[in-house]
Amino acid sequence: MLDDAPVYNAYHLLGFFSTFNSDAIKDLTLYKGSAPAQYGGRLSSVIDIKMNEGNNKKVETSGGIGLISSHLNVEGPIVKDKGSLLVTARRTYADLFLKLSSSSTLSNNTLYFYDMNAKANYRLNAKNQVFLSGYLGRDVLGFGSTFGLNWGNSTATFRWNHLLNEKTFSNTSLIFSDYSYKISNTSGSNDFSITSRIRDWNFKQELQFFPNPANAIKLGLNSIYHTVTPGQVSGSTSTGATPPTLQDRYGLENALYASNDWKATTRLNVSYGLRLSSFSLLGAGDFYGYDADGNVVSTQTYTSGQVVKSYLFLEPRISASFMLNDVSSLKASYTRNTQNMHIVSNSTSSNPTDLWIMSSNNVKPQIADQVALGYFRNLADNRFEFSTETYYKKLQNQIDLRQGPTYGPTTKSRASYCSALVGLTASSFYSRRKQAG
């Protein structure tokens, strides 16, 4: 999560670089086991990243030139001591060296990524401050003029911080997140392209209350409107094939949550909370029922905004830390999470073209219950830290592709239409939709 915006593919160059530029990062929090109640929608760990807010006193510029990539960072005041602006940019240029090759096979290839972070903040008065941040990044991979693959994320977050009184303040956020990729092939007569996208509009309202030094209470609500484009296929008429049409899917994910960080004693800290989450699959579109063999047995058509299927879950969580002495502690936790955005892959490792689908009338939300216990100790005057943890995790409603998925249409022309992308995802787009709903 980058300033509360989910980032669906957090890697550049298939995992060799992180999406997040260190020049733009203020702090990073990793929740490996139990995460507080404001986090939901995922079964695994949470990486919560907050961007730098920039220098509100003077203009500063920094950068670096490397063998693989270069970066630039500029920050300074909008109005001194009241607001600031930060802009960072980064780009690799391996593709520029390829152009120096005498081999046309190499010189026409493309391989690079770029990203840019920006954040502005302004203090309106003693009780109100606004923030606006954004991220844009893209990877581009191409083999001459015959094959191309590009993918990337874009996010934007507007947050209004309002101080209600000395013990209470609120954060109101509007968040946009977009992840997409495009595959194109122009070899011979098989010219086609495939585009897939996840787009989220997110509203979040949170109140933080500090009634006394021993308690920190959070109350909040979160609402996300998902639009998933599983695959828009287009091709030249010379192929003699009709591109399959896959319908966009829409979903509304809501949550109410409450949590408290309680300092029970000088040695014992307890964090507990409850999250009530719901998910509704929405129209418009055609929705299918299947038999055990994956054959369509029913079809229902829904209009725009009509509820197709809904789910409701309670997600309790509690964690505790007990200081054994000044250098060692025990930690224990229990948490339940649900997940309504599912990633489906036909390989053992993730790649940018993995398919995302929502919970539906055929796909149930995934559920995870986890218990963890750990021992932590600082050594050599806190210069070293040792920790060991064990956990038990029960997972429900996990999904996967059927063995040997094949392209759905049976006509020879349509089967050959996507044969050039065997090993990526084109050959399984239709079957994934058919088998996963």
Protein backbone atom coordinates (compact mmCIF):
# COMPACT_ATOMS: atom_id res chain seq x y z
CA MET A 1 0.00 0.00 0.00
CA LEU A 2 1.39 3.40 -1.04
CA ASP A 3 -0.28 6.25 0.87
CA ASP A 4 -3.29 3.93 1.36
CA ALA A 5 -3.51 3.06 -2.35
CA PRO A 6 -3.17 -0.66 -3.17
CA VAL A 7 -0.38 -1.51 -5.63
CA TYR A 8 -1.27 -4.76 -7.40
CA ASN A 9 2.12 -5.45 -8.99
CA ALA A 10 4.92 -4.03 -6.86
CA TYR A 11 7.89 -4.99 -9.05
CA HIS A 12 9.87 -3.63 -11.98
CA LEU A 13 11.63 -5.82 -14.55
CA LEU A 14 9.93 -9.05 -13.35
CA GLY A 15 11.12 -8.60 -9.75
CA PHE A 16 14.66 -7.27 -10.18
CA PHE A 17 13.67 -3.78 -8.97
CA SER A 18 11.10 -2.60 -6.45
CA THR A 19 8.28 -0.34 -7.57
CA PHE A 20 9.03 1.98 -4.65
CA ASN A 21 11.78 4.57 -5.07
CA SER A 22 13.67 4.99 -1.78
CA ASP A 23 13.98 8.75 -2.40
CA ALA A 24 10.21 9.05 -2.05
CA ILE A 25 9.72 6.89 1.07
CA LYS A 26 9.21 8.43 4.51
CA ASP A 27 8.57 5.22 6.42
CA LEU A 28 7.63 1.60 5.83
CA THR A 29 5.78 -0.76 8.16
CA LEU A 30 5.67 -4.52 7.62
CA TYR A 31 2.97 -6.59 9.32
CA LYS A 32 3.99 -10.23 9.01
CA GLY A 33 1.40 -11.77 11.28
CA SER A 34 -1.54 -9.93 12.82
CA ALA A 35 -2.28 -6.58 11.18
CA PRO A 36 -4.49 -3.92 12.83
CA ALA A 37 -8.18 -3.81 11.94
CA GLN A 38 -7.79 -0.98 9.41
CA TYR A 39 -6.06 -3.44 7.06
CA GLY A 40 -8.13 -5.99 5.19
CA GLY A 41 -8.79 -7.64 1.88
CA ARG A 42 -5.61 -9.78 1.86
CA LEU A 43 -4.63 -13.06 3.51
CA SER A 44 -0.90 -12.48 3.73
CA SER A 45 1.39 -9.76 5.06
CA VAL A 46 0.91 -6.01 4.67
CA ILE A 47 3.56 -3.51 3.55
CA ASP A 48 2.31 -0.01 4.38
CA ILE A 49 4.46 2.72 2.78
CA LYS A 50 4.13 6.44 3.45
CA MET A 51 5.70 8.94 1.04
CA ASN A 52 7.95 11.84 1.99
CA GLU A 53 6.20 15.17 2.36
CA GLY A 54 9.07 17.35 1.15
CA ASN A 55 11.08 20.16 2.71
CA ASN A 56 8.87 23.13 3.66
CA LYS A 57 11.79 25.46 4.41
CA LYS A 58 14.11 25.39 1.38
CA VAL A 59 14.55 23.86 -2.06
CA GLU A 60 16.74 20.75 -2.20
CA THR A 61 17.80 18.72 -5.21
CA SER A 62 19.56 15.37 -5.29
CA GLY A 63 20.08 12.56 -7.75
CA GLY A 64 22.31 9.80 -8.97
CA ILE A 65 23.59 8.23 -12.17
CA GLY A 66 24.21 4.49 -12.26
CA LEU A 67 25.12 1.82 -14.76
CA ILE A 68 21.51 0.60 -14.96
CA SER A 69 19.34 3.50 -13.82
CA SER A 70 19.38 7.15 -12.82
CA HIS A 71 17.17 9.08 -10.44
CA LEU A 72 16.33 12.67 -9.53
CA ASN A 73 14.69 14.14 -6.43
CA VAL A 74 13.41 17.72 -6.07
CA GLU A 75 11.64 19.12 -3.01
CA GLY A 76 10.86 22.51 -1.57
CA PRO A 77 8.25 24.77 0.01
CA ILE A 78 5.00 25.82 -1.63
CA VAL A 79 4.64 28.44 1.10
CA LYS A 80 7.45 28.41 3.64
CA ASP A 81 6.51 26.55 6.84
CA LYS A 82 2.97 25.94 5.55
CA GLY A 83 3.27 23.59 2.58
CA SER A 84 5.77 21.63 0.52
CA LEU A 85 6.15 19.67 -2.69
CA LEU A 86 8.24 16.59 -3.48
CA VAL A 87 8.87 15.09 -6.94
CA THR A 88 11.06 12.06 -7.62
CA ALA A 89 11.73 10.30 -10.92
CA ARG A 90 13.69 7.24 -11.98
CA ARG A 91 14.44 5.46 -15.27
CA THR A 92 16.56 2.58 -16.50
CA TYR A 93 18.28 2.77 -19.87
CA ALA A 94 19.41 -0.73 -20.78
CA ASP A 95 17.53 -0.26 -24.05
CA LEU A 96 19.81 2.63 -24.99
CA PHE A 97 22.86 0.35 -24.83
CA LEU A 98 21.05 -2.23 -26.97
CA LYS A 99 20.83 0.37 -29.75
CA LEU A 100 24.64 0.46 -29.86
CA SER A 101 24.75 -3.18 -30.96
CA SER A 102 25.64 -3.93 -34.58
CA SER A 103 23.07 -6.73 -34.53
CA SER A 104 19.62 -5.58 -35.66
CA THR A 105 18.12 -8.38 -33.56
CA LEU A 106 19.40 -6.68 -30.39
CA SER A 107 19.33 -3.02 -31.40
CA ASN A 108 15.59 -3.07 -32.09
CA ASN A 109 14.68 -4.60 -28.72
CA THR A 110 13.25 -2.58 -25.83
CA LEU A 111 13.75 -3.12 -22.11
CA TYR A 112 13.26 -0.35 -19.55
CA PHE A 113 11.06 1.00 -16.77
CA TYR A 114 10.31 4.42 -15.41
CA ASP A 115 8.45 5.72 -12.36
CA MET A 116 7.59 9.04 -10.78
CA ASN A 117 6.35 9.96 -7.29
CA ALA A 118 4.90 13.31 -6.26
CA LYS A 119 3.45 14.58 -3.01
CA ALA A 120 2.20 17.97 -1.87
CA ASN A 121 0.87 19.10 1.50
CA TYR A 122 -0.53 22.36 2.76
CA ARG A 123 -1.54 23.48 6.25
CA LEU A 124 -4.79 25.46 5.93
CA ASN A 125 -4.87 26.45 9.60
CA ALA A 126 -4.05 25.04 13.02
CA LYS A 127 -6.70 22.32 12.69
CA ASN A 128 -6.70 21.41 9.01
CA GLN A 129 -4.08 20.07 6.64
CA VAL A 130 -4.47 18.54 3.17
CA PHE A 131 -2.22 16.11 1.29
CA LEU A 132 -2.14 15.10 -2.37
CA SER A 133 0.16 12.31 -3.57
CA GLY A 134 0.54 10.24 -6.70
CA TYR A 135 2.59 7.54 -8.36
CA LEU A 136 3.06 6.56 -12.02
CA GLY A 137 5.24 3.69 -13.20
CA ARG A 138 5.55 1.53 -16.30
CA ASP A 139 7.66 -1.36 -17.59
CA VAL A 140 8.19 -1.81 -21.32
CA LEU A 141 9.52 -4.99 -22.93
CA GLY A 142 9.68 -5.47 -26.69
CA PHE A 143 11.30 -7.69 -29.28
CA GLY A 144 11.65 -5.56 -32.37
CA SER A 145 8.33 -4.67 -33.91
CA THR A 146 6.86 -8.17 -33.52
CA PHE A 147 6.13 -8.53 -29.79
CA GLY A 148 5.54 -6.11 -26.97
CA LEU A 149 4.58 -6.33 -23.29
CA ASN A 150 4.11 -3.35 -20.99
CA TRP A 151 2.58 -3.09 -17.54
CA GLY A 152 2.38 -0.57 -14.75
CA ASN A 153 0.59 1.08 -11.84
CA SER A 154 -0.79 4.53 -11.22
CA THR A 155 -2.17 5.78 -7.90
CA ALA A 156 -3.48 9.02 -6.43
CA THR A 157 -4.43 9.87 -2.85
CA PHE A 158 -6.12 12.97 -1.45
CA ARG A 159 -6.23 13.16 2.34
CA TRP A 160 -7.74 15.76 4.65
CA ASN A 161 -6.50 15.74 8.24
CA HIS A 162 -8.78 17.54 10.69
CA LEU A 163 -8.13 18.06 14.40
CA LEU A 164 -11.45 17.83 16.24
CA ASN A 165 -9.99 18.49 19.70
CA GLU A 166 -6.83 17.77 21.65
CA LYS A 167 -7.63 14.05 21.83
CA THR A 168 -9.44 13.35 18.57
CA PHE A 169 -8.62 13.84 14.91
CA SER A 170 -9.95 12.50 11.63
CA ASN A 171 -8.50 11.47 8.29
CA THR A 172 -10.71 11.60 5.21
CA SER A 173 -9.19 10.05 2.07
CA LEU A 174 -10.14 9.66 -1.57
CA ILE A 175 -7.94 7.09 -3.29
CA PHE A 176 -7.50 5.98 -6.91
CA SER A 177 -5.56 2.91 -8.01
CA ASP A 178 -5.03 1.47 -11.50
CA TYR A 179 -3.01 -1.52 -12.69
CA SER A 180 -2.93 -2.63 -16.32
CA TYR A 181 -0.89 -4.56 -18.83
CA LYS A 182 -0.92 -4.90 -22.61
CA ILE A 183 0.43 -7.68 -24.79
CA SER A 184 0.81 -7.09 -28.53
CA ASN A 185 1.92 -9.35 -31.35
CA THR A 186 2.46 -8.22 -34.94
CA SER A 187 4.21 -11.24 -36.46
CA GLY A 188 2.92 -12.33 -39.83
CA SER A 189 -0.86 -12.46 -40.15
CA ASN A 190 -1.47 -13.04 -36.42
CA ASP A 191 -1.74 -9.39 -35.38
CA PHE A 192 -3.51 -8.96 -32.06
CA SER A 193 -3.27 -7.29 -28.67
CA ILE A 194 -4.65 -8.05 -25.21
CA THR A 195 -5.26 -5.45 -22.51
CA SER A 196 -6.23 -6.20 -18.91
CA ARG A 197 -6.90 -3.76 -16.06
CA ILE A 198 -7.88 -3.40 -12.40
CA ARG A 199 -9.23 0.03 -11.45
CA ASP A 200 -10.28 1.01 -7.90
CA TRP A 201 -12.03 4.07 -6.49
CA ASN A 202 -11.65 4.14 -2.73
CA PHE A 203 -13.16 6.22 0.08
CA LYS A 204 -11.78 5.97 3.61
CA GLN A 205 -12.87 7.76 6.78
CA GLU A 206 -11.01 7.21 10.04
CA LEU A 207 -11.25 8.71 13.53
CA GLN A 208 -8.41 8.40 16.03
CA PHE A 209 -9.13 8.98 19.70
CA PHE A 210 -6.64 9.12 22.60
CA PRO A 211 -8.73 9.10 25.80
CA ASN A 212 -5.68 8.59 28.02
CA PRO A 213 -1.99 7.65 27.72
CA ALA A 214 -2.83 3.93 27.93
CA ASN A 215 -5.29 3.72 25.02
CA ALA A 216 -5.31 4.68 21.32
CA ILE A 217 -8.65 3.95 19.62
CA LYS A 218 -9.36 3.88 15.88
CA LEU A 219 -12.78 3.82 14.26
CA GLY A 220 -13.23 3.78 10.52
CA LEU A 221 -15.04 2.84 7.36
CA ASN A 222 -13.69 1.95 3.95
CA SER A 223 -15.51 1.55 0.64
CA ILE A 224 -13.87 0.42 -2.64
CA TYR A 225 -15.49 0.19 -6.07
CA HIS A 226 -13.61 -2.32 -8.24
CA THR A 227 -13.65 -2.54 -12.02
CA VAL A 228 -11.84 -5.56 -13.46
CA THR A 229 -11.21 -5.91 -17.19
CA PRO A 230 -10.15 -9.56 -17.61
CA GLY A 231 -8.97 -9.09 -21.18
CA GLN A 232 -9.87 -6.85 -24.10
CA VAL A 233 -8.69 -8.60 -27.26
CA SER A 234 -8.30 -6.84 -30.60
CA GLY A 235 -6.84 -8.15 -33.84
CA SER A 236 -6.42 -7.29 -37.49
CA THR A 237 -9.01 -8.52 -39.94
CA SER A 238 -6.28 -10.40 -41.82
CA THR A 239 -6.26 -13.06 -39.13
CA GLY A 240 -9.73 -14.25 -40.13
CA ALA A 241 -10.59 -14.58 -36.44
CA THR A 242 -13.18 -12.89 -34.26
CA PRO A 243 -11.62 -11.73 -30.98
CA PRO A 244 -13.42 -13.14 -27.92
CA THR A 245 -15.25 -10.56 -25.83
CA LEU A 246 -14.81 -10.78 -22.06
CA GLN A 247 -17.13 -8.62 -19.99
CA ASP A 248 -15.89 -6.19 -17.37
CA ARG A 249 -16.75 -7.14 -13.80
CA TYR A 250 -17.73 -4.72 -11.05
CA GLY A 251 -17.62 -5.11 -7.28
CA LEU A 252 -18.23 -3.06 -4.15
CA GLU A 253 -16.13 -3.84 -1.07
CA ASN A 254 -17.08 -2.23 2.24
CA ALA A 255 -15.71 -2.44 5.76
CA LEU A 256 -16.35 -1.03 9.23
CA TYR A 257 -13.58 -1.43 11.79
CA ALA A 258 -12.62 -0.58 15.35
CA SER A 259 -9.37 -1.19 17.21
CA ASN A 260 -7.56 -0.23 20.39
CA ASP A 261 -3.88 -0.22 21.30
CA TRP A 262 -3.90 -0.76 25.05
CA LYS A 263 -0.87 -0.40 27.31
CA ALA A 264 -2.15 -2.72 30.01
CA THR A 265 0.97 -2.56 32.24
CA THR A 266 4.54 -1.38 31.93
CA ARG A 267 5.37 -4.83 30.49
CA LEU A 268 2.20 -5.83 28.63
CA ASN A 269 0.85 -4.20 25.44
CA VAL A 270 -2.34 -5.50 23.80
CA SER A 271 -3.80 -4.56 20.42
CA TYR A 272 -7.28 -5.82 19.58
CA GLY A 273 -9.89 -5.01 16.98
CA LEU A 274 -12.84 -6.14 14.90
CA ARG A 275 -13.50 -5.65 11.20
CA LEU A 276 -16.89 -6.17 9.55
CA SER A 277 -16.35 -6.64 5.83
CA SER A 278 -18.76 -7.13 2.96
CA PHE A 279 -18.43 -7.71 -0.76
CA SER A 280 -21.05 -7.38 -3.49
CA LEU A 281 -20.62 -8.48 -7.09
CA LEU A 282 -22.49 -6.02 -9.32
CA GLY A 283 -23.87 -5.95 -12.85
CA ALA A 284 -24.09 -5.22 -15.69
CA GLY A 285 -23.31 -8.44 -17.50
CA ASP A 286 -24.05 -12.12 -18.02
CA PHE A 287 -23.28 -14.47 -15.15
CA TYR A 288 -23.03 -18.23 -15.49
CA GLY A 289 -23.68 -21.38 -13.49
CA TYR A 290 -21.59 -24.52 -14.12
CA ASP A 291 -21.75 -28.24 -13.54
CA ALA A 292 -18.93 -30.30 -12.01
CA ASP A 293 -17.19 -30.56 -15.40
CA GLY A 294 -17.17 -26.80 -15.97
CA ASN A 295 -19.96 -26.76 -18.53
CA VAL A 296 -22.35 -23.78 -18.56
CA VAL A 297 -25.77 -24.88 -17.29
CA SER A 298 -27.41 -21.51 -16.66
CA THR A 299 -27.06 -17.85 -17.64
CA GLN A 300 -28.50 -14.83 -15.87
CA THR A 301 -28.31 -11.25 -17.10
CA TYR A 302 -28.07 -8.34 -14.66
CA THR A 303 -28.40 -4.62 -15.25
CA SER A 304 -25.90 -1.97 -14.19
CA GLY A 305 -25.56 -1.74 -10.41
CA GLN A 306 -27.76 -4.77 -9.72
CA VAL A 307 -26.40 -7.05 -6.97
CA VAL A 308 -25.45 -10.50 -8.25
CA LYS A 309 -23.97 -12.00 -5.06
CA SER A 310 -23.03 -10.66 -1.62
CA TYR A 311 -20.84 -11.91 1.23
CA LEU A 312 -20.50 -10.70 4.83
CA PHE A 313 -17.73 -11.58 7.33
CA LEU A 314 -16.56 -10.70 10.84
CA GLU A 315 -12.78 -10.50 11.16
CA PRO A 316 -11.53 -10.42 14.78
CA ARG A 317 -7.87 -9.96 15.65
CA ILE A 318 -5.75 -9.60 18.77
CA SER A 319 -2.03 -9.40 19.45
CA ALA A 320 -0.03 -9.03 22.65
CA SER A 321 3.57 -8.26 23.54
CA PHE A 322 5.03 -9.04 26.97
CA MET A 323 8.43 -7.70 28.02
CA LEU A 324 10.32 -10.42 29.88
CA ASN A 325 13.11 -7.94 30.73
CA ASP A 326 14.83 -4.95 29.18
CA VAL A 327 16.14 -6.89 26.17
CA SER A 328 13.67 -9.70 25.46
CA SER A 329 9.94 -10.15 24.86
CA LEU A 330 7.27 -12.64 23.89
CA LYS A 331 4.63 -11.86 21.23
CA ALA A 332 1.47 -13.74 20.34
CA SER A 333 -1.38 -13.02 17.92
CA TYR A 334 -4.55 -14.33 16.32
CA THR A 335 -6.17 -12.82 13.22
CA ARG A 336 -8.83 -13.65 10.65
CA ASN A 337 -8.74 -12.14 7.17
CA THR A 338 -10.85 -12.47 4.03
CA GLN A 339 -9.87 -11.76 0.43
CA ASN A 340 -12.17 -10.92 -2.47
CA MET A 341 -9.60 -10.05 -5.14
CA HIS A 342 -7.97 -13.29 -6.28
CA ILE A 343 -4.85 -13.74 -8.38
CA VAL A 344 -4.76 -16.78 -10.68
CA SER A 345 -1.50 -17.92 -12.25
CA ASN A 346 -0.61 -20.72 -14.65
CA SER A 347 3.02 -20.77 -13.53
CA THR A 348 4.92 -21.40 -10.30
CA SER A 349 6.06 -17.76 -10.04
CA SER A 350 4.04 -14.58 -10.43
CA ASN A 351 4.32 -12.46 -13.56
CA PRO A 352 2.74 -9.20 -14.78
CA THR A 353 0.14 -11.06 -16.85
CA ASP A 354 -1.35 -13.07 -13.99
CA LEU A 355 -5.13 -12.87 -13.97
CA TRP A 356 -7.09 -11.12 -11.22
CA ILE A 357 -10.72 -12.05 -10.61
CA MET A 358 -13.25 -11.02 -7.97
CA SER A 359 -15.37 -13.15 -5.69
CA SER A 360 -18.54 -14.10 -7.54
CA ASN A 361 -21.51 -16.46 -7.62
CA ASN A 362 -18.96 -19.22 -8.37
CA VAL A 363 -15.84 -18.06 -6.51
CA LYS A 364 -16.14 -17.71 -2.73
CA PRO A 365 -14.03 -15.24 -0.73
CA GLN A 366 -10.82 -16.73 0.60
CA ILE A 367 -10.53 -16.96 4.40
CA ALA A 368 -7.44 -17.29 6.59
CA ASP A 369 -7.18 -17.86 10.34
CA GLN A 370 -3.66 -17.46 11.72
CA VAL A 371 -2.12 -17.93 15.17
CA ALA A 372 1.49 -16.86 15.76
CA LEU A 373 3.94 -16.97 18.67
CA GLY A 374 7.40 -15.38 18.73
CA TYR A 375 10.42 -14.62 20.91
CA PHE A 376 12.46 -11.44 20.39
CA ARG A 377 15.76 -10.41 21.95
CA ASN A 378 18.21 -7.55 21.54
CA LEU A 379 21.91 -8.34 21.81
CA ALA A 380 25.17 -6.42 22.30
CA ASP A 381 23.60 -3.17 23.55
CA ASN A 382 20.87 -3.29 20.90
CA ARG A 383 23.30 -3.53 17.99
CA PHE A 384 21.80 -6.88 16.99
CA GLU A 385 18.30 -8.31 17.15
CA PHE A 386 17.35 -11.98 17.28
CA SER A 387 13.84 -13.29 16.73
CA THR A 388 12.14 -16.59 16.12
CA GLU A 389 8.47 -17.14 15.31
CA THR A 390 6.14 -20.03 14.62
CA TYR A 391 2.64 -19.87 13.19
CA TYR A 392 -0.32 -22.00 12.23
CA LYS A 393 -2.49 -20.86 9.36
CA LYS A 394 -5.76 -22.38 8.15
CA LEU A 395 -6.86 -21.39 4.63
CA GLN A 396 -10.30 -21.83 3.10
CA ASN A 397 -11.72 -21.45 -0.43
CA GLN A 398 -8.37 -21.41 -2.23
CA ILE A 399 -8.69 -21.35 -6.02
CA ASP A 400 -6.55 -22.60 -8.89
CA LEU A 401 -6.85 -23.38 -12.58
CA ARG A 402 -8.10 -26.75 -13.69
CA GLN A 403 -5.44 -29.08 -15.05
CA GLY A 404 -4.61 -28.37 -18.69
CA PRO A 405 -6.83 -25.34 -19.32
CA THR A 406 -7.64 -24.85 -22.98
CA TYR A 407 -9.03 -21.99 -25.02
CA GLY A 408 -12.81 -22.05 -24.91
CA PRO A 409 -14.03 -21.46 -28.52
CA THR A 410 -13.85 -24.64 -30.57
CA THR A 411 -13.54 -23.15 -34.06
CA LYS A 412 -10.13 -23.64 -35.60
CA SER A 413 -9.76 -19.97 -36.49
CA ARG A 414 -10.25 -18.83 -32.89
CA ALA A 415 -7.91 -21.46 -31.51
CA SER A 416 -5.13 -20.41 -33.86
CA TYR A 417 -5.84 -16.75 -33.08
CA CYS A 418 -4.19 -17.01 -29.65
CA SER A 419 -1.72 -19.79 -30.32
CA ALA A 420 1.18 -17.33 -30.46
CA LEU A 421 0.89 -16.57 -26.74
CA VAL A 422 1.14 -20.07 -25.33
CA GLY A 423 3.01 -19.76 -22.02
CA LEU A 424 1.79 -16.26 -21.26
CA THR A 425 -1.94 -15.94 -20.71
CA ALA A 426 -3.84 -15.49 -23.94
CA SER A 427 -4.53 -19.18 -24.41
CA SER A 428 -6.17 -19.41 -21.00
CA PHE A 429 -8.16 -16.15 -20.78
CA TYR A 430 -11.41 -17.73 -21.87
CA SER A 431 -10.98 -20.94 -19.90
CA ARG A 432 -10.11 -19.03 -16.74
CA ARG A 433 -13.25 -16.96 -17.06
CA LYS A 434 -15.32 -20.04 -17.81
CA GLN A 435 -13.92 -22.15 -14.98
CA ALA A 436 -13.57 -19.40 -12.35
CA GLY A 437 -16.69 -17.43 -13.27
